[in-house]
């Protein structure tokens, strides 16, 4: 039970970070420090930013699913 609650918090935090961070100026500042120019350009492309945002949304959905499941199990009283 505790593990599931911690996992939901992880999913929420990671999901928000991965969803919002690629579209902030901080993302560009951090990624411009990568010494390999080709990799830097790839990470700054809208395709990779969108994929990172999608991965964040998957985390949010997964956490939402787990919290709904946890709440549903609490409502059902064991016999």
PDB file of N, CA and C in Angstrom:
ATOM      1  N   UNK A   1       0.822  -1.186   0.000  1.00  0.00           N
ATOM      2  CA  UNK A   1       0.000   0.000   0.000  1.00  0.00           C
ATOM      3  C   UNK A   1       0.873   1.259   0.000  1.00  0.00           C
ATOM      4  N   UNK A   2       1.867   1.299   0.872  1.00  0.00           N
ATOM      5  CA  UNK A   2       2.763   2.450   0.939  1.00  0.00           C
ATOM      6  C   UNK A   2       3.530   2.600  -0.376  1.00  0.00           C
ATOM      7  N   UNK A   3       3.959   1.462  -0.929  1.00  0.00           N
ATOM      8  CA  UNK A   3       4.679   1.500  -2.203  1.00  0.00           C
ATOM      9  C   UNK A   3       3.806   2.119  -3.295  1.00  0.00           C
ATOM     10  N   UNK A   4       2.540   1.738  -3.322  1.00  0.00           N
ATOM     11  CA  UNK A   4       1.637   2.254  -4.349  1.00  0.00           C
ATOM     12  C   UNK A   4       1.430   3.762  -4.191  1.00  0.00           C
ATOM     13  N   UNK A   5       1.312   4.229  -2.960  1.00  0.00           N
ATOM     14  CA  UNK A   5       1.151   5.668  -2.712  1.00  0.00           C
ATOM     15  C   UNK A   5       2.403   6.426  -3.154  1.00  0.00           C
ATOM     16  N   UNK A   6       3.567   5.902  -2.810  1.00  0.00           N
ATOM     17  CA  UNK A   6       4.820   6.537  -3.233  1.00  0.00           C
ATOM     18  C   UNK A   6       4.962   6.525  -4.756  1.00  0.00           C
ATOM     19  N   UNK A   7       4.508   5.440  -5.383  1.00  0.00           N
ATOM     20  CA  UNK A   7       4.575   5.351  -6.834  1.00  0.00           C
ATOM     21  C   UNK A   7       3.666   6.389  -7.488  1.00  0.00           C
ATOM     22  N   UNK A   8       2.499   6.627  -6.897  1.00  0.00           N
ATOM     23  CA  UNK A   8       1.591   7.646  -7.424  1.00  0.00           C
ATOM     24  C   UNK A   8       2.237   9.025  -7.328  1.00  0.00           C
ATOM     25  N   UNK A   9       2.893   9.308  -6.197  1.00  0.00           N
ATOM     26  CA  UNK A   9       3.586  10.593  -6.064  1.00  0.00           C
ATOM     27  C   UNK A   9       4.718  10.719  -7.077  1.00  0.00           C
ATOM     28  N   UNK A  10       5.453   9.631  -7.290  1.00  0.00           N
ATOM     29  CA  UNK A  10       6.519   9.646  -8.295  1.00  0.00           C
ATOM     30  C   UNK A  10       5.944   9.941  -9.684  1.00  0.00           C
ATOM     31  N   UNK A  11       4.863   9.239 -10.035  1.00  0.00           N
ATOM     32  CA  UNK A  11       4.257   9.431 -11.360  1.00  0.00           C
ATOM     33  C   UNK A  11       3.777  10.868 -11.548  1.00  0.00           C
ATOM     34  N   UNK A  12       3.197  11.442 -10.511  1.00  0.00           N
ATOM     35  CA  UNK A  12       2.710  12.819 -10.617  1.00  0.00           C
ATOM     36  C   UNK A  12       3.872  13.792 -10.806  1.00  0.00           C
ATOM     37  N   UNK A  13       4.901  13.624  -9.996  1.00  0.00           N
ATOM     38  CA  UNK A  13       6.045  14.536 -10.073  1.00  0.00           C
ATOM     39  C   UNK A  13       6.794  14.388 -11.400  1.00  0.00           C
ATOM     40  N   UNK A  14       7.117  13.163 -11.756  1.00  0.00           N
ATOM     41  CA  UNK A  14       7.845  12.933 -13.004  1.00  0.00           C
ATOM     42  C   UNK A  14       7.001  13.338 -14.202  1.00  0.00           C
ATOM     43  N   UNK A  15       5.710  13.046 -14.138  1.00  0.00           N
ATOM     44  CA  UNK A  15       4.827  13.392 -15.239  1.00  0.00           C
ATOM     45  C   UNK A  15       4.751  14.891 -15.472  1.00  0.00           C
ATOM     46  N   UNK A  16       4.582  15.648 -14.400  1.00  0.00           N
ATOM     47  CA  UNK A  16       4.536  17.105 -14.545  1.00  0.00           C
ATOM     48  C   UNK A  16       5.861  17.659 -15.056  1.00  0.00           C
ATOM     49  N   UNK A  17       6.947  17.150 -14.512  1.00  0.00           N
ATOM     50  CA  UNK A  17       8.266  17.613 -14.944  1.00  0.00           C
ATOM     51  C   UNK A  17       8.502  17.313 -16.420  1.00  0.00           C
ATOM     52  N   UNK A  18       8.234  16.079 -16.830  1.00  0.00           N
ATOM     53  CA  UNK A  18       8.477  15.689 -18.220  1.00  0.00           C
ATOM     54  C   UNK A  18       7.498  16.344 -19.193  1.00  0.00           C
ATOM     55  N   UNK A  19       6.321  16.703 -18.712  1.00  0.00           N
ATOM     56  CA  UNK A  19       5.337  17.339 -19.580  1.00  0.00           C
ATOM     57  C   UNK A  19       5.654  18.815 -19.802  1.00  0.00           C
ATOM     58  N   UNK A  20       6.064  19.494 -18.757  1.00  0.00           N
ATOM     59  CA  UNK A  20       6.231  20.947 -18.847  1.00  0.00           C
ATOM     60  C   UNK A  20       7.660  21.404 -19.165  1.00  0.00           C
ATOM     61  N   UNK A  21       8.659  20.722 -18.642  1.00  0.00           N
ATOM     62  CA  UNK A  21      10.045  21.182 -18.767  1.00  0.00           C
ATOM     63  C   UNK A  21      10.551  21.354 -20.201  1.00  0.00           C
ATOM     64  N   UNK A  22      10.223  20.452 -21.140  1.00  0.00           N
ATOM     65  CA  UNK A  22      10.785  20.631 -22.486  1.00  0.00           C
ATOM     66  C   UNK A  22      10.380  21.922 -23.187  1.00  0.00           C
ATOM     67  N   UNK A  23       9.381  22.617 -22.704  1.00  0.00           N
ATOM     68  CA  UNK A  23       8.900  23.825 -23.366  1.00  0.00           C
ATOM     69  C   UNK A  23       9.301  25.092 -22.625  1.00  0.00           C
ATOM     70  N   UNK A  24      10.202  24.966 -21.657  1.00  0.00           N
ATOM     71  CA  UNK A  24      10.659  26.128 -20.901  1.00  0.00           C
ATOM     72  C   UNK A  24      12.054  26.550 -21.368  1.00  0.00           C
ATOM     73  N   UNK A  25      12.423  27.798 -21.099  1.00  0.00           N
ATOM     74  CA  UNK A  25      13.788  28.240 -21.437  1.00  0.00           C
ATOM     75  C   UNK A  25      14.864  27.457 -20.671  1.00  0.00           C
ATOM     76  N   UNK A  26      14.529  26.929 -19.510  1.00  0.00           N
ATOM     77  CA  UNK A  26      15.507  26.153 -18.741  1.00  0.00           C
ATOM     78  C   UNK A  26      15.960  24.915 -19.517  1.00  0.00           C
ATOM     79  N   UNK A  27      15.041  24.303 -20.267  1.00  0.00           N
ATOM     80  CA  UNK A  27      15.379  23.136 -21.085  1.00  0.00           C
ATOM     81  C   UNK A  27      16.471  23.497 -22.089  1.00  0.00           C
ATOM     82  N   UNK A  28      16.313  24.621 -22.760  1.00  0.00           N
ATOM     83  CA  UNK A  28      17.313  25.042 -23.737  1.00  0.00           C
ATOM     84  C   UNK A  28      18.644  25.342 -23.080  1.00  0.00           C
ATOM     85  N   UNK A  29      18.623  26.010 -21.931  1.00  0.00           N
ATOM     86  CA  UNK A  29      19.867  26.320 -21.224  1.00  0.00           C
ATOM     87  C   UNK A  29      20.602  25.059 -20.821  1.00  0.00           C
ATOM     88  N   UNK A  30      19.877  24.085 -20.326  1.00  0.00           N
ATOM     89  CA  UNK A  30      20.500  22.832 -19.887  1.00  0.00           C
ATOM     90  C   UNK A  30      21.042  22.056 -21.081  1.00  0.00           C
ATOM     91  N   UNK A  31      20.246  21.953 -22.129  1.00  0.00           N
ATOM     92  CA  UNK A  31      20.640  21.145 -23.282  1.00  0.00           C
ATOM     93  C   UNK A  31      21.738  21.793 -24.123  1.00  0.00           C
ATOM     94  N   UNK A  32      21.880  23.088 -24.047  1.00  0.00           N
ATOM     95  CA  UNK A  32      22.962  23.759 -24.783  1.00  0.00           C
ATOM     96  C   UNK A  32      24.334  23.441 -24.185  1.00  0.00           C
ATOM     97  N   UNK A  33      24.364  22.852 -23.012  1.00  0.00           N
ATOM     98  CA  UNK A  33      25.632  22.480 -22.384  1.00  0.00           C
ATOM     99  C   UNK A  33      26.154  21.129 -22.870  1.00  0.00           C
ATOM    100  N   UNK A  34      25.353  20.419 -23.665  1.00  0.00           N
ATOM    101  CA  UNK A  34      25.795  19.134 -24.214  1.00  0.00           C
ATOM    102  C   UNK A  34      26.877  19.411 -25.258  1.00  0.00           C
ATOM    103  N   UNK A  35      28.048  18.784 -25.131  1.00  0.00           N
ATOM    104  CA  UNK A  35      29.155  19.108 -26.029  1.00  0.00           C
ATOM    105  C   UNK A  35      29.003  18.574 -27.456  1.00  0.00           C
ATOM    106  N   UNK A  36      28.152  17.592 -27.683  1.00  0.00           N
ATOM    107  CA  UNK A  36      27.982  17.024 -29.020  1.00  0.00           C
ATOM    108  C   UNK A  36      26.878  17.801 -29.735  1.00  0.00           C
ATOM    109  N   UNK A  37      27.253  18.535 -30.771  1.00  0.00           N
ATOM    110  CA  UNK A  37      26.342  19.456 -31.440  1.00  0.00           C
ATOM    111  C   UNK A  37      25.149  18.724 -32.068  1.00  0.00           C
ATOM    112  N   UNK A  38      25.378  17.587 -32.687  1.00  0.00           N
ATOM    113  CA  UNK A  38      24.284  16.834 -33.304  1.00  0.00           C
ATOM    114  C   UNK A  38      23.270  16.353 -32.286  1.00  0.00           C
ATOM    115  N   UNK A  39      23.761  15.876 -31.153  1.00  0.00           N
ATOM    116  CA  UNK A  39      22.872  15.424 -30.081  1.00  0.00           C
ATOM    117  C   UNK A  39      22.114  16.609 -29.492  1.00  0.00           C
ATOM    118  N   UNK A  40      22.797  17.700 -29.349  1.00  0.00           N
ATOM    119  CA  UNK A  40      22.175  18.924 -28.829  1.00  0.00           C
ATOM    120  C   UNK A  40      21.023  19.367 -29.735  1.00  0.00           C
ATOM    121  N   UNK A  41      21.263  19.365 -31.037  1.00  0.00           N
ATOM    122  CA  UNK A  41      20.226  19.764 -31.988  1.00  0.00           C
ATOM    123  C   UNK A  41      19.050  18.795 -31.960  1.00  0.00           C
ATOM    124  N   UNK A  42      19.323  17.513 -31.821  1.00  0.00           N
ATOM    125  CA  UNK A  42      18.256  16.514 -31.779  1.00  0.00           C
ATOM    126  C   UNK A  42      17.381  16.697 -30.542  1.00  0.00           C
ATOM    127  N   UNK A  43      18.001  16.915 -29.394  1.00  0.00           N
ATOM    128  CA  UNK A  43      17.248  17.061 -28.149  1.00  0.00           C
ATOM    129  C   UNK A  43      16.433  18.350 -28.150  1.00  0.00           C
ATOM    130  N   UNK A  44      16.905  19.376 -28.825  1.00  0.00           N
ATOM    131  CA  UNK A  44      16.174  20.636 -28.890  1.00  0.00           C
ATOM    132  C   UNK A  44      15.094  20.649 -29.975  1.00  0.00           C
ATOM    133  N   UNK A  45      14.999  19.575 -30.755  1.00  0.00           N
ATOM    134  CA  UNK A  45      13.990  19.534 -31.819  1.00  0.00           C
ATOM    135  C   UNK A  45      12.587  19.347 -31.226  1.00  0.00           C
ATOM    136  N   UNK A  46      11.586  19.864 -31.909  1.00  0.00           N
ATOM    137  CA  UNK A  46      10.211  19.705 -31.429  1.00  0.00           C
ATOM    138  C   UNK A  46       9.771  18.239 -31.326  1.00  0.00           C
ATOM    139  N   UNK A  47      10.328  17.371 -32.148  1.00  0.00           N
ATOM    140  CA  UNK A  47       9.975  15.953 -32.101  1.00  0.00           C
ATOM    141  C   UNK A  47      10.359  15.335 -30.750  1.00  0.00           C
ATOM    142  N   UNK A  48      11.580  15.573 -30.316  1.00  0.00           N
ATOM    143  CA  UNK A  48      12.038  15.025 -29.035  1.00  0.00           C
ATOM    144  C   UNK A  48      11.310  15.699 -27.877  1.00  0.00           C
ATOM    145  N   UNK A  49      11.069  16.986 -27.991  1.00  0.00           N
ATOM    146  CA  UNK A  49      10.315  17.681 -26.941  1.00  0.00           C
ATOM    147  C   UNK A  49       8.909  17.106 -26.826  1.00  0.00           C
ATOM    148  N   UNK A  50       8.282  16.850 -27.953  1.00  0.00           N
ATOM    149  CA  UNK A  50       6.944  16.261 -27.948  1.00  0.00           C
ATOM    150  C   UNK A  50       6.944  14.846 -27.389  1.00  0.00           C
ATOM    151  N   UNK A  51       7.965  14.062 -27.747  1.00  0.00           N
ATOM    152  CA  UNK A  51       8.067  12.701 -27.220  1.00  0.00           C
ATOM    153  C   UNK A  51       8.259  12.723 -25.708  1.00  0.00           C
ATOM    154  N   UNK A  52       9.050  13.653 -25.212  1.00  0.00           N
ATOM    155  CA  UNK A  52       9.261  13.782 -23.776  1.00  0.00           C
ATOM    156  C   UNK A  52       7.965  14.188 -23.079  1.00  0.00           C
ATOM    157  N   UNK A  53       7.220  15.095 -23.697  1.00  0.00           N
ATOM    158  CA  UNK A  53       5.926  15.496 -23.153  1.00  0.00           C
ATOM    159  C   UNK A  53       4.962  14.307 -23.142  1.00  0.00           C
ATOM    160  N   UNK A  54       4.959  13.525 -24.203  1.00  0.00           N
ATOM    161  CA  UNK A  54       4.115  12.333 -24.251  1.00  0.00           C
ATOM    162  C   UNK A  54       4.474  11.335 -23.169  1.00  0.00           C
ATOM    163  N   UNK A  55       5.755  11.156 -22.927  1.00  0.00           N
ATOM    164  CA  UNK A  55       6.211  10.258 -21.865  1.00  0.00           C
ATOM    165  C   UNK A  55       5.740  10.768 -20.505  1.00  0.00           C
ATOM    166  N   UNK A  56       5.748  12.081 -20.329  1.00  0.00           N
ATOM    167  CA  UNK A  56       5.240  12.666 -19.093  1.00  0.00           C
ATOM    168  C   UNK A  56       3.742  12.434 -18.928  1.00  0.00           C
ATOM    169  N   UNK A  57       3.002  12.552 -20.025  1.00  0.00           N
ATOM    170  CA  UNK A  57       1.562  12.298 -19.967  1.00  0.00           C
ATOM    171  C   UNK A  57       1.260  10.845 -19.633  1.00  0.00           C
ATOM    172  N   UNK A  58       2.084   9.936 -20.126  1.00  0.00           N
ATOM    173  CA  UNK A  58       1.929   8.521 -19.777  1.00  0.00           C
ATOM    174  C   UNK A  58       2.112   8.339 -18.269  1.00  0.00           C
ATOM    175  N   UNK A  59       3.088   9.009 -17.695  1.00  0.00           N
ATOM    176  CA  UNK A  59       3.297   8.931 -16.240  1.00  0.00           C
ATOM    177  C   UNK A  59       2.080   9.457 -15.479  1.00  0.00           C
ATOM    178  N   UNK A  60       1.534  10.575 -15.935  1.00  0.00           N
ATOM    179  CA  UNK A  60       0.364  11.144 -15.265  1.00  0.00           C
ATOM    180  C   UNK A  60      -0.824  10.189 -15.347  1.00  0.00           C
ATOM    181  N   UNK A  61      -1.055   9.613 -16.523  1.00  0.00           N
ATOM    182  CA  UNK A  61      -2.156   8.663 -16.677  1.00  0.00           C
ATOM    183  C   UNK A  61      -1.956   7.414 -15.824  1.00  0.00           C
ATOM    184  N   UNK A  62      -0.735   6.931 -15.769  1.00  0.00           N
ATOM    185  CA  UNK A  62      -0.432   5.745 -14.977  1.00  0.00           C
ATOM    186  C   UNK A  62      -0.671   6.022 -13.489  1.00  0.00           C
ATOM    187  N   UNK A  63      -0.221   7.168 -13.025  1.00  0.00           N
ATOM    188  CA  UNK A  63      -0.448   7.538 -11.630  1.00  0.00           C
ATOM    189  C   UNK A  63      -1.928   7.711 -11.326  1.00  0.00           C
ATOM    190  N   UNK A  64      -2.660   8.313 -12.269  1.00  0.00           N
ATOM    191  CA  UNK A  64      -4.108   8.480 -12.089  1.00  0.00           C
ATOM    192  C   UNK A  64      -4.793   7.124 -12.022  1.00  0.00           C
ATOM    193  N   UNK A  65      -4.391   6.218 -12.889  1.00  0.00           N
ATOM    194  CA  UNK A  65      -4.960   4.871 -12.876  1.00  0.00           C
ATOM    195  C   UNK A  65      -4.707   4.189 -11.536  1.00  0.00           C
ATOM    196  N   UNK A  66      -3.495   4.295 -11.036  1.00  0.00           N
ATOM    197  CA  UNK A  66      -3.152   3.636  -9.774  1.00  0.00           C
ATOM    198  C   UNK A  66      -3.901   4.238  -8.593  1.00  0.00           C
ATOM    199  N   UNK A  67      -4.082   5.558  -8.572  1.00  0.00           N
ATOM    200  CA  UNK A  67      -4.793   6.171  -7.450  1.00  0.00           C
ATOM    201  C   UNK A  67      -6.278   5.815  -7.505  1.00  0.00           C
ATOM    202  N   UNK A  68      -6.857   5.752  -8.701  1.00  0.00           N
ATOM    203  CA  UNK A  68      -8.260   5.336  -8.836  1.00  0.00           C
ATOM    204  C   UNK A  68      -8.413   3.884  -8.378  1.00  0.00           C
ATOM    205  N   UNK A  69      -7.485   3.033  -8.781  1.00  0.00           N
ATOM    206  CA  UNK A  69      -7.508   1.630  -8.366  1.00  0.00           C
ATOM    207  C   UNK A  69      -7.374   1.502  -6.849  1.00  0.00           C
ATOM    208  N   UNK A  70      -6.473   2.276  -6.267  1.00  0.00           N
ATOM    209  CA  UNK A  70      -6.274   2.244  -4.822  1.00  0.00           C
ATOM    210  C   UNK A  70      -7.526   2.707  -4.082  1.00  0.00           C
ATOM    211  N   UNK A  71      -8.156   3.756  -4.553  1.00  0.00           N
ATOM    212  CA  UNK A  71      -9.377   4.258  -3.918  1.00  0.00           C
ATOM    213  C   UNK A  71     -10.538   3.277  -4.087  1.00  0.00           C
ATOM    214  N   UNK A  72     -10.618   2.611  -5.234  1.00  0.00           N
ATOM    215  CA  UNK A  72     -11.679   1.629  -5.460  1.00  0.00           C
ATOM    216  C   UNK A  72     -11.517   0.440  -4.522  1.00  0.00           C
ATOM    217  N   UNK A  73     -10.297   0.018  -4.292  1.00  0.00           N
ATOM    218  CA  UNK A  73     -10.058  -1.109  -3.379  1.00  0.00           C
ATOM    219  C   UNK A  73     -10.376  -0.737  -1.935  1.00  0.00           C
ATOM    220  N   UNK A  74     -10.203   0.534  -1.581  1.00  0.00           N
ATOM    221  CA  UNK A  74     -10.524   0.960  -0.216  1.00  0.00           C
ATOM    222  C   UNK A  74     -12.022   0.988   0.018  1.00  0.00           C
ATOM    223  N   UNK A  75     -12.796   1.262  -1.045  1.00  0.00           N
ATOM    224  CA  UNK A  75     -14.251   1.315  -0.907  1.00  0.00           C
ATOM    225  C   UNK A  75     -14.863  -0.072  -0.730  1.00  0.00           C
ATOM    226  N   UNK A  76     -14.243  -1.086  -1.353  1.00  0.00           N
ATOM    227  CA  UNK A  76     -14.738  -2.447  -1.243  1.00  0.00           C
ATOM    228  C   UNK A  76     -14.232  -3.015   0.080  1.00  0.00           C
ATOM    229  N   UNK A  77     -15.154  -3.363   0.941  1.00  0.00           N
ATOM    230  CA  UNK A  77     -14.764  -3.914   2.232  1.00  0.00           C
ATOM    231  C   UNK A  77     -14.565  -5.409   2.116  1.00  0.00           C
ATOM    232  N   UNK A  78     -13.428  -5.914   2.594  1.00  0.00           N
ATOM    233  CA  UNK A  78     -13.201  -7.356   2.529  1.00  0.00           C
ATOM    234  C   UNK A  78     -14.150  -8.093   3.460  1.00  0.00           C
ATOM    235  N   UNK A  79     -14.618  -9.259   3.011  1.00  0.00           N
ATOM    236  CA  UNK A  79     -15.569 -10.045   3.816  1.00  0.00           C
ATOM    237  C   UNK A  79     -14.875 -10.924   4.808  1.00  0.00           C
TER     238      UNK A  79
END
